[in-house]
N, C-alpha and C. Protein backbone atom coordinates (compact mmCIF):
# COMPACT_ATOMS: atom_id res chain seq x y z
N MET A 1 11.44 2.45 -1.98
CA MET A 1 11.26 1.58 -0.85
C MET A 1 12.36 0.52 -0.85
N ASP A 2 12.78 0.19 0.33
CA ASP A 2 13.76 -0.87 0.51
C ASP A 2 13.01 -2.20 0.54
N LEU A 3 13.14 -2.98 -0.52
CA LEU A 3 12.37 -4.21 -0.68
C LEU A 3 13.16 -5.46 -0.30
N ARG A 4 14.12 -5.32 0.62
CA ARG A 4 14.93 -6.47 1.01
C ARG A 4 14.31 -7.19 2.21
N CYS A 5 14.55 -8.48 2.27
CA CYS A 5 14.11 -9.29 3.41
C CYS A 5 14.91 -8.88 4.64
N PRO A 6 14.27 -8.66 5.78
CA PRO A 6 15.02 -8.26 6.98
C PRO A 6 15.88 -9.39 7.55
N HIS A 7 15.65 -10.63 7.12
CA HIS A 7 16.42 -11.76 7.63
C HIS A 7 17.65 -12.04 6.76
N CYS A 8 17.42 -12.28 5.47
CA CYS A 8 18.53 -12.69 4.59
C CYS A 8 19.02 -11.58 3.69
N ARG A 9 18.34 -10.41 3.67
CA ARG A 9 18.70 -9.22 2.89
C ARG A 9 18.60 -9.43 1.37
N MET A 10 17.89 -10.48 0.93
CA MET A 10 17.66 -10.67 -0.50
C MET A 10 16.56 -9.71 -0.96
N ILE A 11 16.67 -9.23 -2.18
CA ILE A 11 15.70 -8.28 -2.71
C ILE A 11 14.45 -9.04 -3.13
N LEU A 12 13.30 -8.59 -2.64
CA LEU A 12 12.03 -9.25 -2.91
C LEU A 12 11.19 -8.48 -3.92
N LYS A 13 11.85 -7.79 -4.82
CA LYS A 13 11.14 -6.97 -5.80
C LYS A 13 10.36 -7.83 -6.79
N GLN A 14 10.93 -8.95 -7.19
CA GLN A 14 10.29 -9.82 -8.17
C GLN A 14 9.51 -10.91 -7.44
N ARG A 15 8.39 -10.54 -6.84
CA ARG A 15 7.58 -11.52 -6.14
C ARG A 15 6.61 -12.17 -7.11
N LYS A 16 5.95 -13.20 -6.65
CA LYS A 16 4.94 -13.87 -7.46
C LYS A 16 3.83 -12.88 -7.78
N LEU A 17 3.17 -13.11 -8.90
CA LEU A 17 2.09 -12.23 -9.32
C LEU A 17 0.96 -12.20 -8.29
N SER A 18 0.68 -13.35 -7.70
CA SER A 18 -0.40 -13.39 -6.71
C SER A 18 -0.04 -12.56 -5.48
N GLN A 19 1.22 -12.54 -5.08
CA GLN A 19 1.63 -11.74 -3.93
C GLN A 19 1.67 -10.26 -4.29
N ALA A 20 1.98 -9.94 -5.53
CA ALA A 20 2.04 -8.54 -5.94
C ALA A 20 0.65 -7.93 -6.04
N ILE A 21 -0.34 -8.73 -6.44
CA ILE A 21 -1.69 -8.21 -6.60
C ILE A 21 -2.43 -8.21 -5.27
N VAL A 22 -2.37 -9.32 -4.55
CA VAL A 22 -3.06 -9.43 -3.27
C VAL A 22 -2.06 -9.11 -2.18
N ALA A 23 -2.17 -7.92 -1.62
CA ALA A 23 -1.24 -7.50 -0.57
C ALA A 23 -1.64 -8.15 0.74
N ARG A 24 -0.77 -8.97 1.27
CA ARG A 24 -1.03 -9.60 2.55
C ARG A 24 -0.09 -8.99 3.58
N MET A 25 -0.52 -8.99 4.82
CA MET A 25 0.28 -8.39 5.87
C MET A 25 1.46 -9.27 6.27
N GLU A 26 1.38 -10.58 6.02
CA GLU A 26 2.47 -11.49 6.34
C GLU A 26 2.73 -12.38 5.14
N ILE A 27 4.01 -12.55 4.81
CA ILE A 27 4.40 -13.46 3.74
C ILE A 27 5.63 -14.24 4.19
N ASP A 28 5.98 -15.26 3.44
CA ASP A 28 7.21 -16.01 3.66
C ASP A 28 8.23 -15.56 2.63
N CYS A 29 9.45 -15.29 3.08
CA CYS A 29 10.52 -14.94 2.15
C CYS A 29 10.81 -16.17 1.29
N PRO A 30 10.82 -16.03 -0.04
CA PRO A 30 11.07 -17.20 -0.89
C PRO A 30 12.51 -17.71 -0.81
N HIS A 31 13.43 -16.91 -0.25
CA HIS A 31 14.83 -17.33 -0.18
C HIS A 31 15.14 -18.05 1.14
N CYS A 32 14.78 -17.43 2.26
CA CYS A 32 15.13 -18.00 3.57
C CYS A 32 13.94 -18.65 4.27
N MET A 33 12.73 -18.52 3.69
CA MET A 33 11.51 -19.12 4.23
C MET A 33 11.14 -18.59 5.61
N GLN A 34 11.64 -17.43 5.99
CA GLN A 34 11.28 -16.80 7.26
C GLN A 34 10.00 -15.98 7.06
N ARG A 35 9.21 -15.87 8.09
CA ARG A 35 7.97 -15.10 8.04
C ARG A 35 8.31 -13.62 8.22
N ILE A 36 7.83 -12.78 7.28
CA ILE A 36 8.06 -11.35 7.35
C ILE A 36 6.72 -10.64 7.21
N GLY A 37 6.64 -9.45 7.75
CA GLY A 37 5.40 -8.67 7.71
C GLY A 37 5.57 -7.40 6.89
N LEU A 38 4.47 -6.94 6.36
CA LEU A 38 4.46 -5.70 5.59
C LEU A 38 4.60 -4.53 6.55
N ASN A 39 5.52 -3.63 6.28
CA ASN A 39 5.80 -2.47 7.11
C ASN A 39 5.22 -1.23 6.42
N VAL A 40 4.02 -0.87 6.81
CA VAL A 40 3.32 0.23 6.16
C VAL A 40 3.64 1.54 6.88
N HIS A 41 4.05 2.54 6.12
CA HIS A 41 4.38 3.85 6.69
C HIS A 41 3.07 4.58 7.01
N PRO A 42 3.04 5.34 8.12
CA PRO A 42 1.82 6.08 8.47
C PRO A 42 1.37 7.06 7.38
N ALA A 43 2.29 7.61 6.62
CA ALA A 43 1.91 8.53 5.54
C ALA A 43 1.13 7.81 4.45
N GLU A 44 1.46 6.55 4.19
CA GLU A 44 0.71 5.77 3.21
C GLU A 44 -0.73 5.56 3.67
N VAL A 45 -0.89 5.30 4.96
CA VAL A 45 -2.23 5.09 5.51
C VAL A 45 -3.05 6.37 5.41
N VAL A 46 -2.44 7.49 5.77
CA VAL A 46 -3.15 8.77 5.73
C VAL A 46 -3.57 9.11 4.31
N ILE A 47 -2.68 8.94 3.35
CA ILE A 47 -3.01 9.26 1.96
C ILE A 47 -4.12 8.35 1.45
N ALA A 48 -4.03 7.06 1.74
CA ALA A 48 -5.05 6.12 1.26
C ALA A 48 -6.42 6.43 1.87
N LEU A 49 -6.47 6.70 3.17
CA LEU A 49 -7.74 7.00 3.82
C LEU A 49 -8.32 8.34 3.35
N PHE A 50 -7.46 9.33 3.20
CA PHE A 50 -7.90 10.64 2.73
C PHE A 50 -8.46 10.55 1.31
N ASP A 51 -7.77 9.83 0.44
CA ASP A 51 -8.24 9.66 -0.93
C ASP A 51 -9.56 8.90 -0.96
N PHE A 52 -9.66 7.85 -0.16
CA PHE A 52 -10.90 7.07 -0.11
C PHE A 52 -12.07 7.95 0.35
N ALA A 53 -11.83 8.79 1.37
CA ALA A 53 -12.88 9.67 1.88
C ALA A 53 -13.31 10.68 0.81
N ILE A 54 -12.35 11.24 0.08
CA ILE A 54 -12.68 12.21 -0.97
C ILE A 54 -13.50 11.55 -2.07
N VAL A 55 -13.12 10.34 -2.48
CA VAL A 55 -13.86 9.65 -3.53
C VAL A 55 -15.29 9.34 -3.07
N ILE A 56 -15.44 8.89 -1.83
CA ILE A 56 -16.78 8.58 -1.32
C ILE A 56 -17.65 9.84 -1.26
N VAL A 57 -17.09 10.94 -0.78
CA VAL A 57 -17.86 12.19 -0.69
C VAL A 57 -18.25 12.67 -2.08
N LEU A 58 -17.31 12.67 -3.01
CA LEU A 58 -17.63 13.12 -4.37
C LEU A 58 -18.64 12.21 -5.05
N ALA A 59 -18.53 10.90 -4.82
CA ALA A 59 -19.50 9.97 -5.41
C ALA A 59 -20.88 10.17 -4.82
N ALA A 60 -20.95 10.41 -3.50
CA ALA A 60 -22.25 10.66 -2.87
C ALA A 60 -22.86 11.97 -3.39
N LEU A 61 -22.04 12.99 -3.53
CA LEU A 61 -22.54 14.25 -4.08
C LEU A 61 -22.99 14.09 -5.54
N ALA A 62 -22.23 13.32 -6.31
CA ALA A 62 -22.61 13.08 -7.70
C ALA A 62 -23.93 12.34 -7.79
N TYR A 63 -24.13 11.40 -6.89
CA TYR A 63 -25.39 10.67 -6.86
C TYR A 63 -26.53 11.58 -6.43
N GLY A 64 -26.29 12.38 -5.41
CA GLY A 64 -27.34 13.27 -4.90
C GLY A 64 -27.73 14.35 -5.88
N TYR A 65 -26.76 14.95 -6.54
CA TYR A 65 -27.03 16.05 -7.48
C TYR A 65 -27.19 15.59 -8.92
N ARG A 66 -26.98 14.29 -9.16
CA ARG A 66 -27.06 13.73 -10.53
C ARG A 66 -26.16 14.52 -11.49
N SER A 67 -24.90 14.69 -11.05
CA SER A 67 -23.96 15.53 -11.80
C SER A 67 -22.86 14.67 -12.41
N GLN A 68 -22.73 14.76 -13.72
CA GLN A 68 -21.65 14.04 -14.40
C GLN A 68 -20.29 14.66 -14.10
N ASP A 69 -20.28 15.95 -13.84
CA ASP A 69 -19.02 16.61 -13.51
C ASP A 69 -18.47 16.09 -12.18
N LEU A 70 -19.35 15.85 -11.22
CA LEU A 70 -18.89 15.31 -9.94
C LEU A 70 -18.44 13.85 -10.08
N VAL A 71 -19.04 13.11 -10.99
CA VAL A 71 -18.59 11.74 -11.26
C VAL A 71 -17.17 11.78 -11.81
N LEU A 72 -16.93 12.70 -12.74
CA LEU A 72 -15.58 12.84 -13.30
C LEU A 72 -14.59 13.30 -12.23
N ALA A 73 -15.03 14.16 -11.33
CA ALA A 73 -14.16 14.60 -10.24
C ALA A 73 -13.84 13.42 -9.31
N ALA A 74 -14.81 12.56 -9.04
CA ALA A 74 -14.57 11.39 -8.20
C ALA A 74 -13.58 10.43 -8.88
N LEU A 75 -13.74 10.23 -10.18
CA LEU A 75 -12.79 9.39 -10.91
C LEU A 75 -11.39 10.00 -10.93
N GLY A 76 -11.34 11.31 -11.08
CA GLY A 76 -10.04 12.00 -11.03
C GLY A 76 -9.38 11.88 -9.67
N ALA A 77 -10.17 11.98 -8.61
CA ALA A 77 -9.62 11.84 -7.25
C ALA A 77 -9.11 10.41 -7.03
N ALA A 78 -9.83 9.43 -7.56
CA ALA A 78 -9.37 8.04 -7.43
C ALA A 78 -8.06 7.83 -8.19
N MET A 79 -7.96 8.42 -9.37
CA MET A 79 -6.72 8.29 -10.14
C MET A 79 -5.57 9.04 -9.48
N ALA A 80 -5.86 10.19 -8.88
CA ALA A 80 -4.81 10.95 -8.18
C ALA A 80 -4.30 10.17 -6.98
N GLY A 81 -5.19 9.51 -6.26
CA GLY A 81 -4.76 8.70 -5.13
C GLY A 81 -3.95 7.50 -5.56
N ALA A 82 -4.35 6.89 -6.68
CA ALA A 82 -3.59 5.76 -7.20
C ALA A 82 -2.20 6.17 -7.67
N LEU A 83 -2.05 7.41 -8.08
CA LEU A 83 -0.75 7.93 -8.51
C LEU A 83 0.08 8.43 -7.33
N ALA A 84 -0.59 8.91 -6.28
CA ALA A 84 0.11 9.52 -5.15
C ALA A 84 0.95 8.50 -4.37
N LEU A 85 0.43 7.30 -4.16
CA LEU A 85 1.16 6.32 -3.36
C LEU A 85 2.47 5.87 -4.02
N PRO A 86 2.48 5.50 -5.29
CA PRO A 86 3.78 5.15 -5.90
C PRO A 86 4.77 6.31 -5.93
N LEU A 87 4.27 7.54 -6.15
CA LEU A 87 5.17 8.70 -6.13
C LEU A 87 5.76 8.91 -4.75
N LEU A 88 4.94 8.74 -3.72
CA LEU A 88 5.42 8.85 -2.35
C LEU A 88 6.48 7.80 -2.05
N GLN A 89 6.25 6.58 -2.52
CA GLN A 89 7.20 5.49 -2.28
C GLN A 89 8.52 5.71 -3.01
N LYS A 90 8.47 6.30 -4.19
CA LYS A 90 9.71 6.51 -4.96
C LYS A 90 10.48 7.75 -4.54
N THR A 91 9.83 8.70 -3.87
CA THR A 91 10.52 9.92 -3.49
C THR A 91 10.81 9.97 -2.00
N TRP A 92 9.80 10.17 -1.20
CA TRP A 92 9.99 10.41 0.23
C TRP A 92 10.31 9.14 1.00
N LEU A 93 9.73 8.02 0.62
CA LEU A 93 9.93 6.76 1.34
C LEU A 93 10.97 5.87 0.66
N ARG A 94 11.94 6.48 0.03
CA ARG A 94 12.94 5.73 -0.72
C ARG A 94 13.71 4.73 0.15
N ASN A 95 14.01 5.08 1.39
CA ASN A 95 14.80 4.22 2.26
C ASN A 95 13.95 3.50 3.31
N TRP A 96 12.64 3.61 3.23
CA TRP A 96 11.76 2.97 4.20
C TRP A 96 11.74 1.46 3.94
N PRO A 97 11.98 0.64 4.97
CA PRO A 97 11.95 -0.82 4.76
C PRO A 97 10.51 -1.31 4.58
N ARG A 98 10.22 -1.94 3.45
CA ARG A 98 8.88 -2.42 3.16
C ARG A 98 8.51 -3.62 4.04
N TYR A 99 9.49 -4.44 4.38
CA TYR A 99 9.22 -5.64 5.18
C TYR A 99 9.93 -5.55 6.53
N ALA A 100 9.32 -6.13 7.55
CA ALA A 100 9.87 -6.12 8.89
C ALA A 100 9.82 -7.53 9.47
N ARG A 101 10.73 -7.78 10.40
CA ARG A 101 10.69 -9.06 11.10
C ARG A 101 9.44 -9.14 11.95
N LEU A 102 8.87 -10.31 12.00
CA LEU A 102 7.69 -10.50 12.85
C LEU A 102 8.15 -10.89 14.24
N ILE A 103 7.57 -10.25 15.21
CA ILE A 103 7.88 -10.59 16.60
C ILE A 103 6.86 -11.63 17.06
N ARG A 104 7.34 -12.82 17.27
CA ARG A 104 6.45 -13.91 17.67
C ARG A 104 6.43 -14.04 19.18
N PRO A 105 5.27 -14.32 19.73
CA PRO A 105 5.21 -14.51 21.18
C PRO A 105 5.94 -15.80 21.57
N PRO A 106 6.56 -15.84 22.76
CA PRO A 106 7.26 -17.04 23.16
C PRO A 106 6.27 -18.20 23.34
N ASP A 107 6.74 -19.39 23.05
CA ASP A 107 5.88 -20.57 23.19
C ASP A 107 5.51 -20.77 24.64
N ALA A 108 4.23 -21.02 24.87
CA ALA A 108 3.76 -21.20 26.25
C ALA A 108 3.83 -22.64 26.69
């Protein structure tokens, strides 16, 4: 992923720990103090939603059938989803800009 600010082109890879853990849709660039937004690729959304749906279905089946094997399958699906997003970002979305300029409405 391209982790540069769309305004000043500084690399924002080394963000604060709080920003790295809590993903917010809008942040301020620490270098130029401009407001930038998170640019999420549609493939990331599809993978996250698909993984979440699989985990929920497997967990519901595990609860209904009282099966430890289905619990392990649900945990495996959750781990596969957690691994899939970083792999997608490092391979296919290598040049995708992570941050985008925010379009602000004109002052009324």
